[in-house]
Amino acid sequence: MSVKIRLQRHGKKGKPFYWIVAADARSKRDGKFLEKIGTYNPTVNPAIIDLNVDAAVQWLHNGAQPTDTARAILSYKGALLKHHLDGGVRKGALTQDQADVKLAAWLGEKSGTVDAKKDGLSKAKEDAKAKAFKLEQEANEKRAKAAADALKPEEVEVEEAPAAEVEAEEAAEVEVEVEETPAAEENNEETKA
């Protein structure tokens, strides 16, 4: 029986979540498996990988072949390096202590790069938030200025009309007042009678 280390999909549609399993190569993708050796969540940045490195290395020693994606995950977590160093120990090229030191140095370097990426992402997120806040403040200032301008009394330029037109308008107003006055007196006399 050939054994594969592969991903088994779980999660909702559009939100994948994977189990990293050792399974018979003939079984279905989400079917029976021999052992669950970890989980993989690609929906966050950076992806969350929880892997039992010792169990993965044991399956690699037993001849399990990882799929392409599983190989990338095992490499990322150091399982392939540990398998390689264990091969060197078995052949006598180095001691177990030397292999452990090399693995620890590599894991320390890897955790440093992952932390740097997390810091870079959080800083980029904060910068984007600060930039959006600044743009929003500028837009609010423009909106407030436009509202203040709308409330100011508009300065209307008064064009001076020729004197003859002004006198004609005043005369028309006087005639209207004169006509209204006798009518008002007649109404008063009718009410008294």
N, C-alpha and C. Protein backbone atom coordinates (compact mmCIF):
# COMPACT_ATOMS: atom_id res chain seq x y z
N MET A 1 0.85 -1.17 0.00
CA MET A 1 0.00 0.00 0.00
C MET A 1 0.89 1.23 0.00
N SER A 2 0.63 2.18 -0.94
CA SER A 2 1.42 3.41 -0.94
C SER A 2 0.67 4.48 -0.13
N VAL A 3 1.43 5.17 0.69
CA VAL A 3 0.86 6.17 1.59
C VAL A 3 1.24 7.55 1.08
N LYS A 4 0.26 8.46 1.12
CA LYS A 4 0.47 9.86 0.73
C LYS A 4 0.23 10.75 1.92
N ILE A 5 1.00 11.80 2.03
CA ILE A 5 0.71 12.87 2.98
C ILE A 5 0.04 13.94 2.14
N ARG A 6 -1.21 14.22 2.43
CA ARG A 6 -1.97 15.14 1.59
C ARG A 6 -2.95 15.95 2.42
N LEU A 7 -3.64 16.86 1.73
CA LEU A 7 -4.61 17.72 2.40
C LEU A 7 -6.01 17.14 2.24
N GLN A 8 -6.79 17.24 3.29
CA GLN A 8 -8.18 16.80 3.26
C GLN A 8 -9.03 18.04 3.55
N ARG A 9 -9.89 18.39 2.61
CA ARG A 9 -10.63 19.65 2.72
C ARG A 9 -11.79 19.55 3.69
N HIS A 10 -11.90 20.60 4.50
CA HIS A 10 -13.03 20.79 5.42
C HIS A 10 -13.40 22.26 5.32
N GLY A 11 -14.35 22.72 6.10
CA GLY A 11 -14.75 24.12 6.06
C GLY A 11 -15.91 24.35 5.12
N LYS A 12 -16.34 25.62 5.05
CA LYS A 12 -17.49 25.99 4.23
C LYS A 12 -17.06 26.31 2.80
N LYS A 13 -18.07 26.50 1.97
CA LYS A 13 -17.81 26.92 0.59
C LYS A 13 -17.21 28.32 0.62
N GLY A 14 -16.10 28.50 -0.04
CA GLY A 14 -15.44 29.79 -0.07
C GLY A 14 -14.54 30.05 1.13
N LYS A 15 -14.58 29.20 2.14
CA LYS A 15 -13.73 29.35 3.33
C LYS A 15 -13.08 28.01 3.64
N PRO A 16 -12.05 27.66 2.89
CA PRO A 16 -11.46 26.34 3.06
C PRO A 16 -10.66 26.22 4.36
N PHE A 17 -10.62 25.02 4.86
CA PHE A 17 -9.81 24.64 6.02
C PHE A 17 -9.37 23.21 5.75
N TYR A 18 -8.11 22.92 5.94
CA TYR A 18 -7.59 21.61 5.56
C TYR A 18 -7.00 20.88 6.76
N TRP A 19 -7.16 19.55 6.74
CA TRP A 19 -6.42 18.68 7.63
C TRP A 19 -5.27 18.12 6.82
N ILE A 20 -4.10 18.01 7.46
CA ILE A 20 -2.96 17.36 6.83
C ILE A 20 -2.97 15.93 7.34
N VAL A 21 -3.14 14.98 6.42
CA VAL A 21 -3.31 13.58 6.83
C VAL A 21 -2.36 12.67 6.06
N ALA A 22 -2.10 11.53 6.68
CA ALA A 22 -1.42 10.43 5.99
C ALA A 22 -2.52 9.45 5.61
N ALA A 23 -2.67 9.20 4.29
CA ALA A 23 -3.77 8.36 3.82
C ALA A 23 -3.29 7.43 2.71
N ASP A 24 -4.04 6.37 2.51
CA ASP A 24 -3.78 5.47 1.40
C ASP A 24 -3.98 6.25 0.10
N ALA A 25 -3.12 6.06 -0.87
CA ALA A 25 -3.19 6.81 -2.12
C ALA A 25 -4.48 6.51 -2.89
N ARG A 26 -5.08 5.33 -2.65
CA ARG A 26 -6.29 4.94 -3.39
C ARG A 26 -7.56 5.48 -2.75
N SER A 27 -7.50 6.00 -1.54
CA SER A 27 -8.71 6.49 -0.87
C SER A 27 -9.13 7.84 -1.45
N LYS A 28 -10.39 8.20 -1.22
CA LYS A 28 -10.92 9.46 -1.73
C LYS A 28 -10.25 10.64 -1.02
N ARG A 29 -10.38 11.81 -1.62
CA ARG A 29 -9.74 13.00 -1.05
C ARG A 29 -10.17 13.24 0.38
N ASP A 30 -11.49 13.18 0.63
CA ASP A 30 -12.00 13.44 1.96
C ASP A 30 -12.42 12.14 2.66
N GLY A 31 -11.89 11.02 2.20
CA GLY A 31 -12.28 9.72 2.75
C GLY A 31 -11.43 9.29 3.93
N LYS A 32 -11.26 8.00 4.06
CA LYS A 32 -10.52 7.43 5.18
C LYS A 32 -9.06 7.86 5.14
N PHE A 33 -8.50 8.03 6.34
CA PHE A 33 -7.09 8.36 6.44
C PHE A 33 -6.48 7.54 7.57
N LEU A 34 -5.17 7.43 7.55
CA LEU A 34 -4.47 6.63 8.56
C LEU A 34 -4.19 7.44 9.82
N GLU A 35 -3.76 8.70 9.64
CA GLU A 35 -3.45 9.55 10.80
C GLU A 35 -3.56 11.02 10.41
N LYS A 36 -4.14 11.79 11.29
CA LYS A 36 -4.18 13.25 11.12
C LYS A 36 -2.93 13.82 11.77
N ILE A 37 -2.12 14.54 10.96
CA ILE A 37 -0.86 15.05 11.50
C ILE A 37 -0.81 16.57 11.59
N GLY A 38 -1.90 17.25 11.21
CA GLY A 38 -1.90 18.70 11.35
C GLY A 38 -3.09 19.35 10.68
N THR A 39 -3.12 20.69 10.76
CA THR A 39 -4.17 21.48 10.12
C THR A 39 -3.53 22.64 9.36
N TYR A 40 -4.29 23.16 8.39
CA TYR A 40 -3.81 24.27 7.55
C TYR A 40 -4.98 25.18 7.26
N ASN A 41 -4.84 26.46 7.62
CA ASN A 41 -5.89 27.45 7.38
C ASN A 41 -5.34 28.54 6.45
N PRO A 42 -5.66 28.49 5.15
CA PRO A 42 -5.11 29.47 4.21
C PRO A 42 -5.88 30.78 4.13
N THR A 43 -6.96 30.94 4.91
CA THR A 43 -7.81 32.13 4.76
C THR A 43 -7.25 33.35 5.47
N VAL A 44 -6.21 33.20 6.28
CA VAL A 44 -5.62 34.33 6.98
C VAL A 44 -4.23 34.59 6.41
N ASN A 45 -3.71 35.78 6.68
CA ASN A 45 -2.39 36.13 6.18
C ASN A 45 -1.50 36.48 7.36
N PRO A 46 -0.42 35.80 7.62
CA PRO A 46 0.07 34.58 6.99
C PRO A 46 -0.78 33.38 7.40
N ALA A 47 -0.75 32.35 6.59
CA ALA A 47 -1.57 31.16 6.82
C ALA A 47 -1.19 30.50 8.15
N ILE A 48 -2.20 29.92 8.81
CA ILE A 48 -1.96 29.24 10.08
C ILE A 48 -1.75 27.76 9.80
N ILE A 49 -0.58 27.26 10.20
CA ILE A 49 -0.25 25.85 10.01
C ILE A 49 0.09 25.27 11.36
N ASP A 50 -0.64 24.24 11.75
CA ASP A 50 -0.38 23.51 12.99
C ASP A 50 0.00 22.09 12.57
N LEU A 51 1.26 21.74 12.77
CA LEU A 51 1.76 20.46 12.26
C LEU A 51 2.52 19.72 13.36
N ASN A 52 2.24 18.44 13.51
CA ASN A 52 3.01 17.57 14.39
C ASN A 52 4.22 17.11 13.57
N VAL A 53 5.34 17.80 13.75
CA VAL A 53 6.53 17.57 12.93
C VAL A 53 7.06 16.16 13.14
N ASP A 54 7.05 15.68 14.37
CA ASP A 54 7.59 14.34 14.63
C ASP A 54 6.78 13.26 13.91
N ALA A 55 5.45 13.39 13.92
CA ALA A 55 4.61 12.40 13.23
C ALA A 55 4.83 12.48 11.73
N ALA A 56 4.98 13.70 11.18
CA ALA A 56 5.22 13.85 9.74
C ALA A 56 6.56 13.22 9.36
N VAL A 57 7.59 13.44 10.19
CA VAL A 57 8.91 12.87 9.90
C VAL A 57 8.85 11.34 9.97
N GLN A 58 8.10 10.83 10.94
CA GLN A 58 7.97 9.37 11.05
C GLN A 58 7.32 8.78 9.80
N TRP A 59 6.27 9.45 9.28
CA TRP A 59 5.64 8.96 8.05
C TRP A 59 6.59 9.07 6.86
N LEU A 60 7.41 10.14 6.82
CA LEU A 60 8.40 10.27 5.75
C LEU A 60 9.44 9.15 5.83
N HIS A 61 9.85 8.80 7.06
CA HIS A 61 10.80 7.69 7.24
C HIS A 61 10.20 6.38 6.75
N ASN A 62 8.89 6.22 6.92
CA ASN A 62 8.21 4.99 6.51
C ASN A 62 7.92 4.96 5.01
N GLY A 63 8.24 6.03 4.29
CA GLY A 63 8.10 6.01 2.84
C GLY A 63 6.89 6.75 2.30
N ALA A 64 6.18 7.52 3.13
CA ALA A 64 5.03 8.29 2.64
C ALA A 64 5.51 9.38 1.70
N GLN A 65 4.77 9.59 0.61
CA GLN A 65 5.12 10.62 -0.37
C GLN A 65 4.16 11.80 -0.23
N PRO A 66 4.67 13.00 0.04
CA PRO A 66 3.78 14.16 0.15
C PRO A 66 3.36 14.67 -1.22
N THR A 67 2.15 15.21 -1.30
CA THR A 67 1.71 15.89 -2.52
C THR A 67 2.45 17.22 -2.61
N ASP A 68 2.27 17.93 -3.72
CA ASP A 68 3.02 19.18 -3.91
C ASP A 68 2.73 20.20 -2.81
N THR A 69 1.46 20.41 -2.52
CA THR A 69 1.10 21.38 -1.49
C THR A 69 1.54 20.90 -0.11
N ALA A 70 1.37 19.63 0.16
CA ALA A 70 1.82 19.08 1.45
C ALA A 70 3.34 19.18 1.58
N ARG A 71 4.05 18.97 0.47
CA ARG A 71 5.52 19.11 0.50
C ARG A 71 5.91 20.55 0.85
N ALA A 72 5.21 21.52 0.27
CA ALA A 72 5.51 22.93 0.58
C ALA A 72 5.25 23.22 2.06
N ILE A 73 4.17 22.68 2.60
CA ILE A 73 3.85 22.90 4.02
C ILE A 73 4.89 22.23 4.92
N LEU A 74 5.26 20.99 4.59
CA LEU A 74 6.27 20.27 5.38
C LEU A 74 7.62 20.99 5.33
N SER A 75 7.95 21.53 4.18
CA SER A 75 9.19 22.29 4.04
C SER A 75 9.14 23.57 4.87
N TYR A 76 8.01 24.24 4.84
CA TYR A 76 7.83 25.50 5.57
C TYR A 76 7.98 25.29 7.08
N LYS A 77 7.47 24.16 7.58
CA LYS A 77 7.53 23.89 9.01
C LYS A 77 8.80 23.16 9.44
N GLY A 78 9.66 22.75 8.51
CA GLY A 78 10.94 22.14 8.84
C GLY A 78 10.92 20.62 8.92
N ALA A 79 9.82 19.99 8.57
CA ALA A 79 9.74 18.53 8.64
C ALA A 79 10.67 17.88 7.61
N LEU A 80 10.75 18.44 6.41
CA LEU A 80 11.63 17.86 5.39
C LEU A 80 13.10 18.03 5.78
N LEU A 81 13.46 19.16 6.40
CA LEU A 81 14.83 19.37 6.85
C LEU A 81 15.18 18.36 7.94
N LYS A 82 14.24 18.16 8.87
CA LYS A 82 14.49 17.19 9.95
C LYS A 82 14.65 15.78 9.37
N HIS A 83 13.84 15.43 8.40
CA HIS A 83 13.96 14.12 7.74
C HIS A 83 15.33 13.99 7.07
N HIS A 84 15.76 15.06 6.41
CA HIS A 84 17.06 15.06 5.75
C HIS A 84 18.20 14.91 6.76
N LEU A 85 18.13 15.66 7.86
CA LEU A 85 19.18 15.59 8.89
C LEU A 85 19.20 14.22 9.57
N ASP A 86 18.03 13.63 9.76
CA ASP A 86 17.97 12.29 10.35
C ASP A 86 18.65 11.28 9.42
N GLY A 87 18.51 11.47 8.12
CA GLY A 87 19.20 10.60 7.16
C GLY A 87 20.71 10.72 7.30
N GLY A 88 21.18 11.95 7.53
CA GLY A 88 22.61 12.17 7.74
C GLY A 88 23.09 11.53 9.03
N VAL A 89 22.27 11.55 10.06
CA VAL A 89 22.63 10.91 11.33
C VAL A 89 22.72 9.40 11.15
N ARG A 90 21.75 8.82 10.42
CA ARG A 90 21.76 7.38 10.19
C ARG A 90 23.00 6.93 9.41
N LYS A 91 23.45 7.78 8.49
CA LYS A 91 24.62 7.42 7.68
C LYS A 91 25.93 7.73 8.40
N GLY A 92 25.86 8.46 9.51
CA GLY A 92 27.07 8.77 10.27
C GLY A 92 27.76 10.04 9.82
N ALA A 93 27.12 10.86 8.98
CA ALA A 93 27.74 12.09 8.51
C ALA A 93 27.78 13.15 9.61
N LEU A 94 26.87 13.10 10.53
CA LEU A 94 26.86 14.04 11.66
C LEU A 94 26.17 13.39 12.84
N THR A 95 26.36 14.00 14.00
CA THR A 95 25.76 13.44 15.22
C THR A 95 24.36 14.02 15.41
N GLN A 96 23.62 13.43 16.33
CA GLN A 96 22.26 13.90 16.61
C GLN A 96 22.29 15.32 17.19
N ASP A 97 23.31 15.62 18.01
CA ASP A 97 23.42 16.97 18.59
C ASP A 97 23.65 18.01 17.49
N GLN A 98 24.52 17.70 16.53
CA GLN A 98 24.76 18.63 15.42
C GLN A 98 23.49 18.83 14.60
N ALA A 99 22.75 17.76 14.38
CA ALA A 99 21.50 17.86 13.61
C ALA A 99 20.48 18.73 14.36
N ASP A 100 20.41 18.55 15.68
CA ASP A 100 19.47 19.35 16.48
C ASP A 100 19.85 20.83 16.46
N VAL A 101 21.15 21.12 16.51
CA VAL A 101 21.61 22.52 16.46
C VAL A 101 21.27 23.15 15.11
N LYS A 102 21.50 22.42 14.03
CA LYS A 102 21.17 22.94 12.70
C LYS A 102 19.67 23.20 12.55
N LEU A 103 18.88 22.25 13.05
CA LEU A 103 17.43 22.41 12.96
C LEU A 103 16.95 23.59 13.79
N ALA A 104 17.50 23.76 14.99
CA ALA A 104 17.12 24.88 15.86
C ALA A 104 17.50 26.22 15.23
N ALA A 105 18.68 26.28 14.61
CA ALA A 105 19.11 27.52 13.95
C ALA A 105 18.18 27.85 12.79
N TRP A 106 17.83 26.84 12.01
CA TRP A 106 16.93 27.08 10.88
C TRP A 106 15.55 27.53 11.35
N LEU A 107 15.03 26.87 12.40
CA LEU A 107 13.71 27.25 12.93
C LEU A 107 13.72 28.66 13.50
N GLY A 108 14.82 29.06 14.15
CA GLY A 108 14.94 30.43 14.67
C GLY A 108 14.94 31.46 13.55
N GLU A 109 15.67 31.16 12.49
CA GLU A 109 15.71 32.07 11.33
C GLU A 109 14.33 32.17 10.68
N LYS A 110 13.67 31.01 10.56
CA LYS A 110 12.34 30.97 9.93
C LYS A 110 11.32 31.75 10.75
N SER A 111 11.36 31.59 12.07
CA SER A 111 10.41 32.32 12.92
C SER A 111 10.67 33.83 12.85
N GLY A 112 11.94 34.22 12.67
CA GLY A 112 12.27 35.64 12.51
C GLY A 112 11.66 36.22 11.24
N THR A 113 11.73 35.47 10.14
CA THR A 113 11.15 35.98 8.89
C THR A 113 9.62 36.03 8.98
N VAL A 114 9.02 35.04 9.66
CA VAL A 114 7.56 35.04 9.80
C VAL A 114 7.12 36.23 10.66
N ASP A 115 7.85 36.48 11.76
CA ASP A 115 7.52 37.62 12.62
C ASP A 115 7.69 38.94 11.87
N ALA A 116 8.73 39.03 11.03
CA ALA A 116 8.95 40.25 10.23
C ALA A 116 7.79 40.46 9.27
N LYS A 117 7.30 39.37 8.67
CA LYS A 117 6.17 39.49 7.76
C LYS A 117 4.92 39.94 8.51
N LYS A 118 4.67 39.38 9.69
CA LYS A 118 3.51 39.78 10.48
C LYS A 118 3.60 41.25 10.86
N ASP A 119 4.80 41.69 11.28
CA ASP A 119 4.99 43.10 11.63
C ASP A 119 4.77 44.00 10.43
N GLY A 120 5.30 43.58 9.27
CA GLY A 120 5.11 44.37 8.05
C GLY A 120 3.65 44.48 7.67
N LEU A 121 2.91 43.38 7.80
CA LEU A 121 1.48 43.41 7.47
C LEU A 121 0.71 44.30 8.43
N SER A 122 1.03 44.21 9.72
CA SER A 122 0.31 45.04 10.70
C SER A 122 0.65 46.51 10.50
N LYS A 123 1.91 46.81 10.16
CA LYS A 123 2.30 48.19 9.91
C LYS A 123 1.62 48.73 8.66
N ALA A 124 1.55 47.92 7.61
CA ALA A 124 0.88 48.34 6.39
C ALA A 124 -0.60 48.60 6.65
N LYS A 125 -1.21 47.76 7.48
CA LYS A 125 -2.62 47.93 7.82
C LYS A 125 -2.84 49.23 8.60
N GLU A 126 -1.94 49.51 9.55
CA GLU A 126 -2.04 50.75 10.32
C GLU A 126 -1.82 51.97 9.43
N ASP A 127 -0.86 51.88 8.51
CA ASP A 127 -0.61 53.00 7.59
C ASP A 127 -1.81 53.26 6.70
N ALA A 128 -2.43 52.20 6.21
CA ALA A 128 -3.61 52.36 5.36
C ALA A 128 -4.76 52.97 6.16
N LYS A 129 -4.89 52.58 7.41
CA LYS A 129 -5.94 53.13 8.27
C LYS A 129 -5.70 54.61 8.53
N ALA A 130 -4.44 54.99 8.81
CA ALA A 130 -4.10 56.39 9.06
C ALA A 130 -4.33 57.23 7.80
N LYS A 131 -3.97 56.69 6.64
CA LYS A 131 -4.17 57.42 5.38
C LYS A 131 -5.66 57.63 5.11
N ALA A 132 -6.47 56.59 5.35
CA ALA A 132 -7.91 56.72 5.14
C ALA A 132 -8.51 57.74 6.10
N PHE A 133 -8.01 57.76 7.34
CA PHE A 133 -8.50 58.72 8.32
C PHE A 133 -8.16 60.15 7.90
N LYS A 134 -6.93 60.35 7.38
CA LYS A 134 -6.52 61.68 6.92
C LYS A 134 -7.38 62.13 5.74
N LEU A 135 -7.63 61.24 4.79
CA LEU A 135 -8.48 61.59 3.64
C LEU A 135 -9.90 61.91 4.09
N GLU A 136 -10.38 61.18 5.08
CA GLU A 136 -11.73 61.44 5.58
C GLU A 136 -11.79 62.80 6.27
N GLN A 137 -10.74 63.17 7.02
CA GLN A 137 -10.71 64.48 7.66
C GLN A 137 -10.71 65.60 6.62
N GLU A 138 -9.92 65.43 5.56
CA GLU A 138 -9.88 66.44 4.50
C GLU A 138 -11.24 66.58 3.83
N ALA A 139 -11.90 65.46 3.58
CA ALA A 139 -13.23 65.51 2.96
C ALA A 139 -14.23 66.19 3.89
N ASN A 140 -14.14 65.93 5.19
CA ASN A 140 -15.04 66.58 6.14
C ASN A 140 -14.80 68.09 6.20
N GLU A 141 -13.53 68.50 6.14
CA GLU A 141 -13.21 69.94 6.13
C GLU A 141 -13.77 70.61 4.88
N LYS A 142 -13.64 69.96 3.73
CA LYS A 142 -14.18 70.53 2.49
C LYS A 142 -15.71 70.65 2.58
N ARG A 143 -16.33 69.60 3.13
CA ARG A 143 -17.79 69.60 3.27
C ARG A 143 -18.24 70.71 4.22
N ALA A 144 -17.51 70.90 5.32
CA ALA A 144 -17.86 71.95 6.29
C ALA A 144 -17.66 73.33 5.67
N LYS A 145 -16.61 73.49 4.89
CA LYS A 145 -16.35 74.77 4.23
C LYS A 145 -17.45 75.08 3.21
N ALA A 146 -17.87 74.08 2.47
CA ALA A 146 -18.94 74.27 1.48
C ALA A 146 -20.25 74.64 2.18
N ALA A 147 -20.53 74.02 3.31
CA ALA A 147 -21.75 74.33 4.06
C ALA A 147 -21.68 75.75 4.61
N ALA A 148 -20.52 76.18 5.09
CA ALA A 148 -20.37 77.53 5.62
C ALA A 148 -20.52 78.55 4.49
N ASP A 149 -19.97 78.25 3.33
CA ASP A 149 -20.10 79.16 2.19
C ASP A 149 -21.56 79.28 1.75
N ALA A 150 -22.31 78.21 1.86
CA ALA A 150 -23.72 78.23 1.46
C ALA A 150 -24.55 79.07 2.43
N LEU A 151 -24.14 79.14 3.69
CA LEU A 151 -24.90 79.91 4.69
C LEU A 151 -24.59 81.40 4.64
N LYS A 152 -23.46 81.80 4.09
CA LYS A 152 -23.11 83.22 4.01
C LYS A 152 -24.08 83.94 3.08
N PRO A 153 -24.48 85.19 3.44
CA PRO A 153 -25.35 85.93 2.52
C PRO A 153 -24.58 86.25 1.25
N GLU A 154 -25.24 85.99 0.17
CA GLU A 154 -24.57 86.21 -1.09
C GLU A 154 -24.50 87.70 -1.38
N GLU A 155 -23.37 88.12 -1.82
CA GLU A 155 -23.19 89.52 -2.16
C GLU A 155 -23.69 89.72 -3.58
N VAL A 156 -24.83 90.38 -3.67
CA VAL A 156 -25.43 90.61 -4.96
C VAL A 156 -25.05 92.01 -5.40
N GLU A 157 -24.56 92.09 -6.58
CA GLU A 157 -24.19 93.39 -7.11
C GLU A 157 -25.46 94.09 -7.59
N VAL A 158 -25.74 95.25 -7.02
CA VAL A 158 -26.93 96.02 -7.38
C VAL A 158 -26.53 96.97 -8.49
N GLU A 159 -27.20 96.80 -9.61
CA GLU A 159 -26.93 97.69 -10.73
C GLU A 159 -27.81 98.93 -10.56
N GLU A 160 -27.21 100.07 -10.71
CA GLU A 160 -27.97 101.29 -10.56
C GLU A 160 -28.79 101.53 -11.82
N ALA A 161 -30.08 101.64 -11.59
CA ALA A 161 -30.97 101.90 -12.71
C ALA A 161 -30.94 103.40 -13.02
N PRO A 162 -31.23 103.75 -14.21
CA PRO A 162 -31.27 105.19 -14.54
C PRO A 162 -32.32 105.89 -13.68
N ALA A 163 -32.10 107.13 -13.41
CA ALA A 163 -32.95 107.91 -12.50
C ALA A 163 -34.38 107.97 -12.99
N ALA A 164 -34.62 108.01 -14.30
CA ALA A 164 -35.98 108.10 -14.83
C ALA A 164 -36.77 106.83 -14.49
N GLU A 165 -36.14 105.67 -14.55
CA GLU A 165 -36.84 104.42 -14.24
C GLU A 165 -37.17 104.36 -12.76
N VAL A 166 -36.28 104.85 -11.90
CA VAL A 166 -36.52 104.82 -10.46
C VAL A 166 -37.71 105.73 -10.14
N GLU A 167 -37.77 106.90 -10.75
CA GLU A 167 -38.88 107.82 -10.47
C GLU A 167 -40.20 107.24 -10.96
N ALA A 168 -40.19 106.52 -12.08
CA ALA A 168 -41.41 105.92 -12.60
C ALA A 168 -41.90 104.82 -11.67
N GLU A 169 -40.98 104.03 -11.12
CA GLU A 169 -41.37 102.98 -10.19
C GLU A 169 -41.96 103.58 -8.91
N GLU A 170 -41.36 104.67 -8.41
CA GLU A 170 -41.87 105.31 -7.19
C GLU A 170 -43.25 105.90 -7.44
N ALA A 171 -43.46 106.47 -8.60
CA ALA A 171 -44.76 107.05 -8.92
C ALA A 171 -45.82 105.97 -9.00
N ALA A 172 -45.48 104.80 -9.54
CA ALA A 172 -46.43 103.70 -9.63
C ALA A 172 -46.81 103.21 -8.24
N GLU A 173 -45.87 103.19 -7.34
CA GLU A 173 -46.16 102.76 -5.97
C GLU A 173 -47.09 103.76 -5.28
N VAL A 174 -46.88 105.06 -5.52
CA VAL A 174 -47.72 106.10 -4.90
C VAL A 174 -49.15 105.98 -5.44
N GLU A 175 -49.33 105.75 -6.73
CA GLU A 175 -50.66 105.63 -7.31
C GLU A 175 -51.39 104.43 -6.72
N VAL A 176 -50.70 103.34 -6.49
CA VAL A 176 -51.32 102.17 -5.91
C VAL A 176 -51.79 102.48 -4.51
N GLU A 177 -50.99 103.20 -3.74
CA GLU A 177 -51.37 103.56 -2.38
C GLU A 177 -52.58 104.49 -2.38
N VAL A 178 -52.61 105.41 -3.31
CA VAL A 178 -53.71 106.37 -3.38
C VAL A 178 -55.01 105.65 -3.72
N GLU A 179 -54.98 104.73 -4.63
CA GLU A 179 -56.18 104.02 -5.02
C GLU A 179 -56.70 103.15 -3.88
N GLU A 180 -55.84 102.60 -3.09
CA GLU A 180 -56.28 101.75 -2.00
C GLU A 180 -56.93 102.54 -0.88
N THR A 181 -56.50 103.72 -0.64
CA THR A 181 -57.02 104.51 0.47
C THR A 181 -58.50 104.86 0.30
N PRO A 182 -59.00 105.39 -0.85
CA PRO A 182 -60.43 105.69 -0.94
C PRO A 182 -61.29 104.44 -0.81
N ALA A 183 -60.82 103.34 -1.30
CA ALA A 183 -61.63 102.12 -1.20
C ALA A 183 -61.76 101.71 0.25
N ALA A 184 -60.72 101.88 1.00
CA ALA A 184 -60.78 101.52 2.41
C ALA A 184 -61.74 102.43 3.14
N GLU A 185 -61.81 103.75 2.77
CA GLU A 185 -62.73 104.68 3.44
C GLU A 185 -64.17 104.33 3.10
N GLU A 186 -64.45 103.92 1.87
CA GLU A 186 -65.81 103.56 1.48
C GLU A 186 -66.25 102.33 2.27
N ASN A 187 -65.34 101.36 2.47
CA ASN A 187 -65.70 100.17 3.25
C ASN A 187 -66.01 100.54 4.67
N ASN A 188 -65.33 101.53 5.21
CA ASN A 188 -65.58 101.96 6.59
C ASN A 188 -66.94 102.61 6.71
N GLU A 189 -67.32 103.45 5.71
CA GLU A 189 -68.60 104.11 5.75
C GLU A 189 -69.74 103.11 5.61
N GLU A 190 -69.57 102.08 4.80
CA GLU A 190 -70.63 101.09 4.61
C GLU A 190 -70.82 100.29 5.90
N THR A 191 -69.79 100.02 6.62
CA THR A 191 -69.93 99.26 7.85
C THR A 191 -70.60 100.07 8.94
N LYS A 192 -70.47 101.43 8.91
CA LYS A 192 -71.09 102.25 9.92
C LYS A 192 -72.59 102.34 9.66
N ALA A 193 -72.97 102.33 8.42
CA ALA A 193 -74.38 102.51 8.10
C ALA A 193 -75.22 101.33 8.32
